Amino acid sequence: MAEAFDDVRDLYQEVILDHGRHPRHAQRLEDFDSTAKGDNPMCGDRVQVWVKFSPDTTIAATGFEARGCAISVASADLMAETVQGRSKADTKAMFEAFREMARTGVCPACDAAMERLAPLSGVHEYPSRVKCATLPWHALIAALDGTKETSSE
């Protein structure tokens, strides 16, 4: 049983390192409807998120630029993947579930999309890293709300 747990932990670490080193959505969108910056003054992580909406007001695309640790960059990249096609309300609900998972390591209402974010569940073991994982989400929510800046504090 402990071996299986270690295998999952290793897989999760690989996913975080891969997305941290080779993010797929790390780009400023040329055509966007909203943007916001996020700052974590405790560690220096910074992120800017751009959002383009579809005519039906769901998220068509999300891009980001980030300067920070692998957790912050990986979180931004996985977030950009996961929110595509979602409504603002659904995205905000997903953020609440993700924040709970980052804080506790548990996701009681995880659907397939939340499972994609599961590699970041391990940050709960390192409380100072929870802010690294949630910073891109704070910036996304600020962009959805029309706020230009946010902080992890």
Protein backbone atom coordinates (compact mmCIF):
# COMPACT_ATOMS: atom_id res chain seq x y z
CA MET A 1 0.00 0.00 0.00
CA ALA A 2 2.81 2.44 0.88
CA GLU A 3 4.46 1.67 -2.48
CA ALA A 4 1.29 2.65 -4.36
CA PHE A 5 1.14 5.91 -2.40
CA ASP A 6 4.78 6.65 -3.30
CA ASP A 7 4.05 5.89 -6.97
CA VAL A 8 1.16 8.37 -6.99
CA ARG A 9 3.26 10.99 -5.20
CA ASP A 10 6.07 10.50 -7.75
CA LEU A 11 3.60 10.78 -10.63
CA TYR A 12 2.12 13.97 -9.15
CA GLN A 13 5.59 15.44 -8.70
CA GLU A 14 6.39 14.62 -12.35
CA VAL A 15 3.20 16.36 -13.51
CA ILE A 16 4.04 19.48 -11.48
CA LEU A 17 7.62 19.59 -12.74
CA ASP A 18 6.53 19.04 -16.35
CA HIS A 19 3.92 21.81 -16.26
CA GLY A 20 6.28 24.03 -14.28
CA ARG A 21 9.10 23.65 -16.80
CA HIS A 22 7.05 23.35 -19.99
CA PRO A 23 3.76 25.19 -19.50
CA ARG A 24 1.38 24.83 -22.44
CA HIS A 25 -0.64 28.02 -21.82
CA ALA A 26 2.13 30.43 -20.82
CA GLN A 27 1.32 33.17 -23.28
CA ARG A 28 -0.25 36.55 -23.37
CA LEU A 29 -3.45 36.31 -25.35
CA GLU A 30 -3.40 38.85 -28.17
CA ASP A 31 -7.19 39.07 -28.16
CA PHE A 32 -8.62 39.04 -24.63
CA ASP A 33 -11.60 40.38 -22.73
CA SER A 34 -10.17 40.59 -19.23
CA THR A 35 -6.87 40.45 -17.39
CA ALA A 36 -5.58 40.64 -13.82
CA LYS A 37 -2.27 40.40 -12.01
CA GLY A 38 -1.55 38.39 -8.89
CA ASP A 39 1.31 38.86 -6.46
CA ASN A 40 2.56 36.78 -3.55
CA PRO A 41 4.76 39.22 -1.61
CA MET A 42 5.98 36.50 0.77
CA CYS A 43 7.84 34.51 -1.91
CA GLY A 44 7.92 36.80 -4.93
CA ASP A 45 5.61 34.77 -7.19
CA ARG A 46 3.85 36.94 -9.76
CA VAL A 47 1.31 36.01 -12.39
CA GLN A 48 -0.80 37.79 -14.96
CA VAL A 49 -3.81 36.03 -16.44
CA TRP A 50 -5.66 36.87 -19.67
CA VAL A 51 -9.14 35.56 -20.43
CA LYS A 52 -11.07 35.45 -23.70
CA PHE A 53 -14.80 34.71 -23.52
CA SER A 54 -16.92 32.86 -26.07
CA PRO A 55 -20.12 34.50 -27.35
CA ASP A 56 -22.02 32.36 -24.80
CA THR A 57 -19.81 33.97 -22.06
CA THR A 58 -17.97 30.74 -21.22
CA ILE A 59 -14.18 30.86 -21.09
CA ALA A 60 -12.81 30.34 -24.59
CA ALA A 61 -9.12 30.66 -23.70
CA THR A 62 -6.86 31.53 -20.80
CA GLY A 63 -3.24 32.52 -21.05
CA PHE A 64 -0.75 33.57 -18.42
CA GLU A 65 2.72 34.87 -17.74
CA ALA A 66 4.25 33.79 -14.45
CA ARG A 67 7.44 34.35 -12.57
CA GLY A 68 7.73 32.01 -9.66
CA CYS A 69 8.20 28.51 -8.43
CA ALA A 70 7.25 25.33 -10.30
CA ILE A 71 4.11 24.96 -8.18
CA SER A 72 2.83 28.41 -9.11
CA VAL A 73 3.57 27.95 -12.83
CA ALA A 74 2.16 24.41 -12.90
CA SER A 75 -0.97 25.57 -11.11
CA ALA A 76 -1.47 28.38 -13.64
CA ASP A 77 -1.00 25.98 -16.53
CA LEU A 78 -3.32 23.29 -15.18
CA MET A 79 -5.87 25.98 -14.30
CA ALA A 80 -5.80 27.36 -17.86
CA GLU A 81 -6.44 23.84 -19.19
CA THR A 82 -9.22 23.07 -16.77
CA VAL A 83 -11.35 26.21 -17.00
CA GLN A 84 -11.71 26.28 -20.77
CA GLY A 85 -15.39 26.02 -21.73
CA ARG A 86 -16.62 26.79 -18.20
CA SER A 87 -18.93 29.56 -17.08
CA LYS A 88 -17.82 32.21 -14.60
CA ALA A 89 -19.96 30.63 -11.86
CA ASP A 90 -18.62 27.15 -12.56
CA THR A 91 -15.04 28.47 -12.58
CA LYS A 92 -15.56 30.22 -9.23
CA ALA A 93 -17.01 27.01 -7.75
CA MET A 94 -14.02 25.09 -9.13
CA PHE A 95 -11.68 27.59 -7.47
CA GLU A 96 -13.38 27.05 -4.10
CA ALA A 97 -13.03 23.27 -4.48
CA PHE A 98 -9.40 23.65 -5.57
CA ARG A 99 -8.59 25.96 -2.66
CA GLU A 100 -10.08 23.42 -0.24
CA MET A 101 -8.06 20.63 -1.86
CA ALA A 102 -4.86 22.71 -1.66
CA ARG A 103 -5.48 23.44 2.04
CA THR A 104 -6.53 19.94 3.11
CA GLY A 105 -5.33 17.50 0.45
CA VAL A 106 -8.92 16.24 0.15
CA CYS A 107 -11.47 16.91 -2.53
CA PRO A 108 -14.86 15.60 -1.44
CA ALA A 109 -16.69 16.69 -4.61
CA CYS A 110 -14.04 15.97 -7.23
CA ASP A 111 -15.21 15.49 -10.78
CA ALA A 112 -13.02 14.57 -13.75
CA ALA A 113 -11.85 18.19 -14.18
CA MET A 114 -10.81 18.44 -10.54
CA GLU A 115 -8.94 15.15 -10.88
CA ARG A 116 -6.73 16.95 -13.42
CA LEU A 117 -5.71 19.32 -10.58
CA ALA A 118 -5.03 16.49 -8.10
CA PRO A 119 -1.23 16.65 -8.52
CA LEU A 120 -1.38 19.94 -6.61
CA SER A 121 -3.19 18.37 -3.64
CA GLY A 122 0.14 17.60 -1.98
CA VAL A 123 0.78 21.29 -1.24
CA HIS A 124 -1.40 20.93 1.85
CA GLU A 125 1.64 19.32 3.51
CA TYR A 126 3.53 22.61 3.04
CA PRO A 127 1.26 25.47 4.19
CA SER A 128 3.51 28.18 2.72
CA ARG A 129 3.10 26.53 -0.72
CA VAL A 130 -0.70 26.69 -0.65
CA LYS A 131 -0.44 30.36 -1.64
CA CYS A 132 1.85 29.42 -4.53
CA ALA A 133 -0.77 27.01 -5.88
CA THR A 134 -3.74 29.33 -5.38
CA LEU A 135 -2.19 32.59 -6.65
CA PRO A 136 -3.04 32.00 -10.35
CA TRP A 137 -6.59 31.18 -9.34
CA HIS A 138 -6.89 34.41 -7.35
CA ALA A 139 -5.72 36.28 -10.47
CA LEU A 140 -8.22 34.42 -12.65
CA ILE A 141 -11.10 35.22 -10.30
CA ALA A 142 -9.98 38.87 -10.21
CA ALA A 143 -10.04 38.89 -14.03
CA LEU A 144 -13.52 37.34 -14.04
CA ASP A 145 -14.70 39.96 -11.54
CA GLY A 146 -13.09 42.83 -13.45
CA THR A 147 -10.54 43.55 -10.70
CA LYS A 148 -7.11 44.35 -12.10
CA GLU A 149 -4.90 43.11 -9.25
CA THR A 150 -4.99 40.65 -6.40
CA SER A 151 -2.70 39.18 -3.80
CA SER A 152 -2.37 35.80 -2.17
CA GLU A 153 -2.49 37.52 1.22
